[in-house]
Amino acid sequence: MERNIRTYYFYSTFAELLILGPVLVLFLTAKGLTFTEIMLLQSISAVSVFFFEVPTGALADKIGRKYSVMLGALMWALGLLLYVIGKGFIVFAISEITFSLGSAFKSGADSALIYDSLKQLGREKEYQKIEGKARSFALYAQAIGSVLSSFLYEANIYYPLIASMFIMILTTAIAFNFKEAPIQEDENEKKLSYFQQIKESGSFVLNHEKLKAIVFFTMIFFIFYRTGFWYFQPYMEAVNIPVKYFGILFFLFNITAAFISKRSAYIMEKTKPKTLTFMAFLMIISFFILSITRQWFGVFAILLQQAARGIYRPVTTKYLNKHIPSDKRATILSFQSLVTNLTLAAAFPFMGILKDSTDIFTTHIVLTVSMLVLTLVSMKYMKGKLGKA
């Protein structure tokens, strides 16, 4: 089990290392897509995750988390290949579906594997520290990848995708070194069928008030967390930042997120019991500054979003894992991802239409107001269920 912790650090470094961030919108528009079409692709991706999340989570609990994360990385490689060789919206939609299947295989399974490894060692209290450290490695790697992507894109618009594809193959090889962690379950649980596993896990979430409250918050937060990313490049263009600086800025974004992620346990200690609310208001303040600043230096408000990004996964997975039994861990974590992606599927087309129908500054005003209202609603709900906001 000790080997799993070391392997997890290597795995996390490469598992999300898609060096596309600074140039992704540029690539898709070069392919002839409007911003609404780009967001519609993300909606298709989210719907796909909705259908794939729970079955793949249940599969991970049954066949092993190690093989689930390996399949996930391979699906990502295939999705990238389709983007490289494909043309037209339909092919890109198929690519997003393939990519979503890979995301679903990885979602929940990787954190469930490391949490149960720690539990086997009697070290589950170290989960947040280890997750935070692993997440910081991933973000530092993405920071370096961000700079590389600009140079690769200038040489050939396909090079960032090809490089990312080979990184996913490397990730698969790293994941092979995991040792499957024992799953604690009683005899009745062992007899559960595939669909019973899904049904039982779903029932557990619906009847667990604290889990419901946490999932409700993440559902709201995730809409704005993900939407904010797609507006980075339009904002940079609106304030006349040259494309050659995009990679450097994304490097700064990722470094900030990595720095904060590594200190997520400390931040949680200082902000509890208001950590979730703290994350939300970092986003809201960032959106507000971006809505009123029409000069290049406004881009630094995005650093507040990166701070929220850095602590999001370590904090939310700690809250969730605390209330989830071992034998349903990957499945229930997949339920959480399922509902967040369902809300994304509904929201993304509207976010695309909003951007195409107005300027990026007005778009950020809408984000500020809507996230503030929904955060206040979630705070009230959490206070009733958790006794904290």
Protein backbone atom coordinates (compact mmCIF):
# COMPACT_ATOMS: atom_id res chain seq x y z
CA MET A 1 0.00 0.00 0.00
CA GLU A 2 2.95 2.34 0.62
CA ARG A 3 3.84 1.93 -3.06
CA ASN A 4 0.42 3.26 -4.01
CA ILE A 5 1.13 6.57 -2.33
CA ARG A 6 4.37 7.04 -4.26
CA THR A 7 2.71 5.92 -7.48
CA TYR A 8 -0.20 8.28 -6.86
CA TYR A 9 2.14 11.27 -6.88
CA PHE A 10 3.54 10.22 -10.28
CA TYR A 11 0.10 9.35 -11.61
CA SER A 12 -1.41 12.68 -10.50
CA THR A 13 1.42 14.61 -12.14
CA PHE A 14 0.53 13.26 -15.59
CA ALA A 15 -3.13 12.15 -15.32
CA GLU A 16 -4.55 15.57 -16.24
CA LEU A 17 -1.57 16.92 -18.14
CA LEU A 18 -3.36 18.05 -21.28
CA ILE A 19 -1.23 20.93 -22.52
CA LEU A 20 -4.17 22.56 -24.30
CA GLY A 21 -5.48 25.22 -21.90
CA PRO A 22 -3.94 28.38 -23.38
CA VAL A 23 -4.77 27.41 -26.99
CA LEU A 24 -7.89 25.26 -26.82
CA VAL A 25 -10.40 27.96 -27.74
CA LEU A 26 -8.00 29.16 -30.45
CA PHE A 27 -7.76 25.62 -31.84
CA LEU A 28 -11.53 25.13 -31.90
CA THR A 29 -12.22 28.48 -33.51
CA ALA A 30 -9.50 27.71 -36.08
CA LYS A 31 -11.55 24.60 -36.81
CA GLY A 32 -14.49 26.88 -37.66
CA LEU A 33 -16.56 26.59 -34.47
CA THR A 34 -18.50 29.46 -32.90
CA PHE A 35 -18.29 29.97 -29.13
CA THR A 36 -21.85 28.62 -28.79
CA GLU A 37 -20.77 25.46 -30.66
CA ILE A 38 -17.72 25.15 -28.42
CA MET A 39 -19.93 25.29 -25.33
CA LEU A 40 -22.40 22.89 -26.93
CA LEU A 41 -19.54 20.41 -27.28
CA GLN A 42 -18.90 20.80 -23.56
CA SER A 43 -22.59 20.22 -22.92
CA ILE A 44 -22.41 17.00 -24.94
CA SER A 45 -19.40 16.04 -22.87
CA ALA A 46 -21.27 16.70 -19.63
CA VAL A 47 -24.32 14.71 -20.78
CA SER A 48 -22.02 11.83 -21.70
CA VAL A 49 -20.44 11.92 -18.25
CA PHE A 50 -23.97 11.88 -16.80
CA PHE A 51 -24.65 8.54 -18.49
CA PHE A 52 -21.17 7.08 -17.92
CA GLU A 53 -20.33 8.21 -14.37
CA VAL A 54 -22.32 5.80 -12.21
CA PRO A 55 -21.86 2.63 -14.32
CA THR A 56 -18.10 3.19 -14.53
CA GLY A 57 -17.94 4.01 -10.82
CA ALA A 58 -19.78 0.81 -9.96
CA LEU A 59 -17.50 -1.07 -12.36
CA ALA A 60 -14.47 0.36 -10.58
CA ASP A 61 -15.80 -0.92 -7.26
CA LYS A 62 -16.34 -4.37 -8.78
CA ILE A 63 -13.34 -4.98 -11.08
CA GLY A 64 -10.80 -2.72 -9.41
CA ARG A 65 -9.89 0.96 -9.35
CA LYS A 66 -6.47 0.33 -10.93
CA TYR A 67 -7.92 -0.96 -14.19
CA SER A 68 -10.54 1.76 -14.19
CA VAL A 69 -7.97 4.58 -14.16
CA MET A 70 -5.92 2.80 -16.83
CA LEU A 71 -8.96 2.60 -19.11
CA GLY A 72 -9.67 6.26 -18.42
CA ALA A 73 -6.25 7.39 -19.59
CA LEU A 74 -6.51 5.27 -22.74
CA MET A 75 -9.92 6.76 -23.58
CA TRP A 76 -8.44 10.25 -23.24
CA ALA A 77 -5.68 9.32 -25.67
CA LEU A 78 -8.26 8.05 -28.16
CA GLY A 79 -10.37 11.20 -27.80
CA LEU A 80 -7.35 13.37 -28.54
CA LEU A 81 -6.53 11.27 -31.58
CA LEU A 82 -10.03 11.87 -32.95
CA TYR A 83 -9.55 15.62 -32.55
CA VAL A 84 -6.29 15.43 -34.49
CA ILE A 85 -7.60 13.39 -37.43
CA GLY A 86 -11.25 14.51 -37.40
CA LYS A 87 -13.11 17.30 -39.16
CA GLY A 88 -16.49 18.83 -38.40
CA PHE A 89 -18.75 19.20 -35.39
CA ILE A 90 -20.02 15.59 -35.45
CA VAL A 91 -16.53 14.07 -35.23
CA PHE A 92 -15.61 16.50 -32.46
CA ALA A 93 -18.78 15.48 -30.61
CA ILE A 94 -17.73 11.81 -30.86
CA SER A 95 -14.33 12.81 -29.55
CA GLU A 96 -15.93 14.55 -26.56
CA ILE A 97 -18.06 11.47 -25.84
CA THR A 98 -14.94 9.29 -25.91
CA PHE A 99 -13.14 11.76 -23.70
CA SER A 100 -16.08 11.77 -21.27
CA LEU A 101 -16.00 7.99 -21.04
CA GLY A 102 -12.35 8.26 -20.04
CA SER A 103 -13.16 10.94 -17.46
CA ALA A 104 -15.88 8.75 -16.01
CA PHE A 105 -13.53 5.78 -15.69
CA LYS A 106 -11.02 7.93 -13.80
CA SER A 107 -13.49 9.96 -11.76
CA GLY A 108 -13.77 8.72 -8.19
CA ALA A 109 -11.69 5.61 -8.87
CA ASP A 110 -8.31 7.29 -8.37
CA SER A 111 -9.21 9.07 -5.12
CA ALA A 112 -11.07 5.97 -3.88
CA LEU A 113 -7.97 3.83 -4.50
CA ILE A 114 -5.64 6.11 -2.57
CA TYR A 115 -8.14 6.68 0.27
CA ASP A 116 -8.65 2.94 0.79
CA SER A 117 -4.88 2.39 0.56
CA LEU A 118 -4.43 4.89 3.39
CA LYS A 119 -7.28 3.28 5.31
CA GLN A 120 -5.54 -0.09 5.03
CA LEU A 121 -2.42 1.53 6.52
CA GLY A 122 -4.45 3.27 9.25
CA ARG A 123 -3.46 6.65 7.80
CA GLU A 124 -6.75 7.91 6.32
CA LYS A 125 -6.39 11.16 8.30
CA GLU A 126 -3.49 12.00 5.99
CA TYR A 127 -5.73 11.88 2.92
CA GLN A 128 -6.19 15.62 2.48
CA LYS A 129 -2.48 16.31 2.90
CA ILE A 130 -1.55 13.64 0.34
CA GLU A 131 -4.32 14.69 -2.06
CA GLY A 132 -3.24 18.31 -1.77
CA LYS A 133 0.39 17.43 -2.46
CA ALA A 134 -0.56 15.23 -5.42
CA ARG A 135 -2.80 17.97 -6.79
CA SER A 136 0.03 20.49 -6.50
CA PHE A 137 2.28 18.20 -8.57
CA ALA A 138 -0.44 18.05 -11.23
CA LEU A 139 -0.82 21.81 -11.29
CA TYR A 140 2.92 22.47 -11.46
CA ALA A 141 3.11 20.09 -14.41
CA GLN A 142 0.21 21.89 -16.08
CA ALA A 143 1.99 25.19 -15.52
CA ILE A 144 5.03 23.94 -17.44
CA GLY A 145 2.74 22.43 -20.07
CA SER A 146 0.99 25.77 -20.52
CA VAL A 147 4.20 27.44 -21.67
CA LEU A 148 5.08 24.53 -23.93
CA SER A 149 1.63 24.60 -25.55
CA SER A 150 2.13 28.11 -26.94
CA PHE A 151 5.39 27.16 -28.62
CA LEU A 152 3.97 23.89 -29.94
CA TYR A 153 0.83 25.63 -31.22
CA GLU A 154 2.89 28.19 -33.12
CA ALA A 155 4.82 25.38 -34.80
CA ASN A 156 1.67 23.41 -35.64
CA ILE A 157 -1.83 23.69 -34.19
CA TYR A 158 -1.98 19.90 -33.75
CA TYR A 159 1.24 19.49 -31.78
CA PRO A 160 -0.27 20.25 -28.33
CA LEU A 161 -2.90 17.54 -28.89
CA ILE A 162 -0.35 14.99 -30.11
CA ALA A 163 1.92 15.67 -27.13
CA SER A 164 -1.04 15.31 -24.76
CA MET A 165 -1.97 12.00 -26.37
CA PHE A 166 1.46 10.52 -25.64
CA ILE A 167 1.29 11.83 -22.08
CA MET A 168 -1.95 9.85 -21.60
CA ILE A 169 -0.21 6.69 -22.80
CA LEU A 170 2.53 7.35 -20.23
CA THR A 171 -0.17 7.81 -17.57
CA THR A 172 -1.58 4.37 -18.40
CA ALA A 173 1.85 2.82 -17.85
CA ILE A 174 2.24 4.59 -14.50
CA ALA A 175 -1.22 3.45 -13.33
CA PHE A 176 -0.21 -0.16 -14.01
CA ASN A 177 2.09 0.11 -10.95
CA PHE A 178 -0.85 0.58 -8.57
CA LYS A 179 -1.66 -2.29 -6.23
CA GLU A 180 -5.40 -2.79 -5.78
CA ALA A 181 -6.48 -1.74 -2.28
CA PRO A 182 -8.75 -4.14 -0.37
CA ILE A 183 -12.38 -3.02 -0.29
CA GLN A 184 -14.08 -3.52 3.04
CA GLU A 185 -17.51 -5.07 2.55
CA ASP A 186 -19.73 -7.57 4.29
CA GLU A 187 -21.12 -10.77 2.77
CA ASN A 188 -24.38 -9.13 1.74
CA GLU A 189 -22.52 -6.40 -0.13
CA LYS A 190 -20.46 -9.02 -1.96
CA LYS A 191 -23.67 -10.49 -3.33
CA LEU A 192 -24.83 -7.20 -4.85
CA SER A 193 -25.19 -7.24 -8.60
CA TYR A 194 -23.89 -4.49 -10.85
CA PHE A 195 -27.20 -2.60 -10.92
CA GLN A 196 -27.87 -3.26 -7.25
CA GLN A 197 -24.53 -1.61 -6.51
CA ILE A 198 -25.71 1.52 -8.31
CA LYS A 199 -29.14 1.45 -6.67
CA GLU A 200 -27.78 0.95 -3.15
CA SER A 201 -25.21 3.72 -3.55
CA GLY A 202 -27.81 6.11 -4.94
CA SER A 203 -30.14 5.36 -2.05
CA PHE A 204 -27.29 5.99 0.39
CA VAL A 205 -26.70 9.48 -1.02
CA LEU A 206 -30.40 10.40 -1.04
CA ASN A 207 -30.83 9.35 2.57
CA HIS A 208 -27.65 10.93 3.90
CA GLU A 209 -28.39 14.58 4.71
CA LYS A 210 -24.78 15.70 5.07
CA LEU A 211 -23.76 14.12 1.77
CA LYS A 212 -26.72 15.72 0.03
CA ALA A 213 -25.75 19.14 1.35
CA ILE A 214 -22.15 18.80 0.17
CA VAL A 215 -23.22 17.52 -3.25
CA PHE A 216 -25.69 20.42 -3.59
CA PHE A 217 -22.91 22.93 -3.00
CA THR A 218 -20.51 21.27 -5.45
CA MET A 219 -23.26 21.16 -8.07
CA ILE A 220 -23.60 24.96 -7.93
CA PHE A 221 -19.91 25.74 -7.53
CA PHE A 222 -18.84 23.50 -10.40
CA ILE A 223 -20.98 25.34 -12.98
CA PHE A 224 -19.11 28.60 -12.40
CA TYR A 225 -15.75 26.92 -11.75
CA ARG A 226 -15.86 25.28 -15.19
CA THR A 227 -17.51 28.15 -17.04
CA GLY A 228 -14.90 30.63 -15.81
CA PHE A 229 -12.16 28.70 -17.62
CA TRP A 230 -13.82 29.04 -21.03
CA TYR A 231 -13.98 32.82 -20.64
CA PHE A 232 -10.24 33.28 -19.91
CA GLN A 233 -9.16 33.50 -23.55
CA PRO A 234 -12.08 35.72 -24.70
CA TYR A 235 -11.26 38.13 -21.85
CA MET A 236 -7.56 38.21 -22.79
CA GLU A 237 -8.47 38.99 -26.38
CA ALA A 238 -10.93 41.70 -25.24
CA VAL A 239 -8.23 43.53 -23.26
CA ASN A 240 -5.76 43.18 -26.16
CA ILE A 241 -3.27 40.74 -24.63
CA PRO A 242 -1.18 39.20 -27.47
CA VAL A 243 -1.66 35.47 -27.99
CA LYS A 244 2.07 34.85 -27.44
CA TYR A 245 1.57 35.75 -23.76
CA PHE A 246 -1.33 33.34 -23.19
CA GLY A 247 1.00 30.47 -22.29
CA ILE A 248 2.90 32.56 -19.77
CA LEU A 249 -0.33 33.70 -18.13
CA PHE A 250 -1.64 30.13 -17.92
CA PHE A 251 1.73 29.16 -16.41
CA LEU A 252 1.10 31.77 -13.71
CA PHE A 253 -2.47 30.51 -13.21
CA ASN A 254 -1.34 26.91 -12.72
CA ILE A 255 1.56 27.85 -10.44
CA THR A 256 -0.88 29.78 -8.23
CA ALA A 257 -3.32 26.86 -8.09
CA ALA A 258 -0.47 24.45 -7.29
CA PHE A 259 0.88 26.68 -4.52
CA ILE A 260 -2.56 26.94 -2.92
CA SER A 261 -3.37 23.24 -3.38
CA LYS A 262 -0.25 22.17 -1.49
CA ARG A 263 -1.42 24.34 1.42
CA SER A 264 -5.08 23.28 1.24
CA ALA A 265 -4.98 21.58 4.65
CA TYR A 266 -3.66 24.78 6.24
CA ILE A 267 -6.24 26.92 4.45
CA MET A 268 -9.04 24.61 5.50
CA GLU A 269 -7.85 24.76 9.10
CA LYS A 270 -7.88 28.58 9.02
CA THR A 271 -11.22 28.96 7.24
CA LYS A 272 -13.33 26.16 8.76
CA PRO A 273 -16.23 25.90 9.19
CA LYS A 274 -16.55 28.32 6.26
CA THR A 275 -14.15 26.76 3.76
CA LEU A 276 -16.75 26.02 1.10
CA THR A 277 -18.16 29.53 1.35
CA PHE A 278 -14.63 30.94 1.17
CA MET A 279 -14.05 29.09 -2.13
CA ALA A 280 -17.28 30.43 -3.59
CA PHE A 281 -16.53 34.04 -2.72
CA LEU A 282 -13.08 33.84 -4.29
CA MET A 283 -14.87 33.06 -7.55
CA ILE A 284 -17.49 35.78 -7.11
CA ILE A 285 -14.91 38.49 -6.39
CA SER A 286 -12.89 37.41 -9.43
CA PHE A 287 -15.93 37.59 -11.72
CA PHE A 288 -16.80 41.05 -10.39
CA ILE A 289 -13.30 42.46 -11.00
CA LEU A 290 -13.29 41.02 -14.53
CA SER A 291 -16.67 42.60 -15.22
CA ILE A 292 -15.48 46.14 -14.41
CA THR A 293 -11.85 46.05 -15.58
CA ARG A 294 -11.25 46.70 -19.28
CA GLN A 295 -7.48 46.94 -19.09
CA TRP A 296 -4.88 44.16 -19.42
CA PHE A 297 -4.08 44.06 -15.69
CA GLY A 298 -7.62 42.86 -14.98
CA VAL A 299 -6.44 39.40 -16.04
CA PHE A 300 -4.78 39.00 -12.65
CA ALA A 301 -8.23 38.70 -11.07
CA ILE A 302 -8.23 35.19 -12.54
CA LEU A 303 -5.68 34.28 -9.85
CA LEU A 304 -8.55 34.27 -7.35
CA GLN A 305 -10.25 31.59 -9.42
CA GLN A 306 -7.00 29.64 -9.41
CA ALA A 307 -6.88 29.80 -5.61
CA ALA A 308 -10.37 28.29 -5.50
CA ARG A 309 -9.28 25.70 -8.07
CA GLY A 310 -6.30 24.72 -5.92
CA ILE A 311 -8.35 23.86 -2.84
CA TYR A 312 -11.53 22.58 -4.55
CA ARG A 313 -10.66 18.90 -4.96
CA PRO A 314 -8.75 18.32 -1.68
CA VAL A 315 -11.50 20.01 0.36
CA THR A 316 -14.59 18.57 -1.33
CA THR A 317 -13.24 15.02 -1.56
CA LYS A 318 -12.30 15.12 2.12
CA TYR A 319 -15.83 16.18 3.07
CA LEU A 320 -17.34 13.51 0.83
CA ASN A 321 -15.01 10.63 1.76
CA LYS A 322 -15.61 11.24 5.45
CA HIS A 323 -19.23 10.08 5.05
CA ILE A 324 -18.83 7.32 2.42
CA PRO A 325 -18.40 3.58 3.21
CA SER A 326 -15.40 1.90 1.55
CA ASP A 327 -17.33 -0.52 -0.67
CA LYS A 328 -19.40 2.28 -2.25
CA ARG A 329 -16.71 4.95 -2.33
CA ALA A 330 -16.00 5.09 -6.08
CA THR A 331 -19.69 4.74 -6.95
CA ILE A 332 -20.83 7.56 -4.65
CA LEU A 333 -18.02 9.85 -5.75
CA SER A 334 -19.23 9.17 -9.27
CA PHE A 335 -22.77 10.14 -8.23
CA GLN A 336 -21.39 13.49 -7.12
CA SER A 337 -19.65 13.95 -10.45
CA LEU A 338 -22.82 12.84 -12.22
CA VAL A 339 -25.03 15.56 -10.77
CA THR A 340 -22.43 18.29 -11.30
CA ASN A 341 -22.04 17.30 -14.93
CA LEU A 342 -25.80 17.22 -15.40
CA THR A 343 -26.03 20.84 -14.28
CA LEU A 344 -23.15 21.71 -16.60
CA ALA A 345 -24.96 20.09 -19.52
CA ALA A 346 -27.94 22.35 -18.89
CA ALA A 347 -25.91 25.52 -18.28
CA PHE A 348 -23.19 25.44 -20.95
CA PRO A 349 -25.32 26.17 -24.05
CA PHE A 350 -26.74 29.26 -22.31
CA MET A 351 -23.22 30.36 -21.37
CA GLY A 352 -22.20 30.07 -25.03
CA ILE A 353 -25.22 32.04 -26.24
CA LEU A 354 -24.56 34.66 -23.56
CA LYS A 355 -20.99 35.14 -24.75
CA ASP A 356 -21.96 35.28 -28.46
CA SER A 357 -24.78 37.78 -27.81
CA THR A 358 -22.89 40.29 -25.65
CA ASP A 359 -19.39 41.34 -24.62
CA ILE A 360 -17.20 39.48 -22.14
CA PHE A 361 -17.54 42.19 -19.48
CA THR A 362 -21.34 41.97 -19.40
CA THR A 363 -20.98 38.20 -19.37
CA HIS A 364 -18.95 38.43 -16.17
CA ILE A 365 -21.56 40.71 -14.58
CA VAL A 366 -24.14 37.98 -15.18
CA LEU A 367 -21.80 35.39 -13.64
CA THR A 368 -21.20 37.59 -10.59
CA VAL A 369 -24.87 38.12 -9.81
CA SER A 370 -26.02 34.58 -10.54
CA MET A 371 -23.24 32.92 -8.54
CA LEU A 372 -23.81 35.25 -5.60
CA VAL A 373 -27.52 34.41 -5.45
CA LEU A 374 -27.01 30.66 -5.81
CA THR A 375 -24.17 30.64 -3.26
CA LEU A 376 -26.39 32.36 -0.68
CA VAL A 377 -29.06 29.73 -1.31
CA SER A 378 -26.55 26.89 -0.89
CA MET A 379 -25.14 28.46 2.28
CA LYS A 380 -28.58 28.51 3.84
CA TYR A 381 -29.19 24.88 2.87
CA MET A 382 -25.81 23.70 4.17
CA LYS A 383 -26.27 25.53 7.45
CA GLY A 384 -29.47 23.59 8.05
CA LYS A 385 -27.94 20.23 7.14
CA LEU A 386 -24.33 20.54 8.26
CA GLY A 387 -24.53 23.23 10.90
CA LYS A 388 -21.89 25.06 8.84
CA ALA A 389 -21.64 27.05 5.62
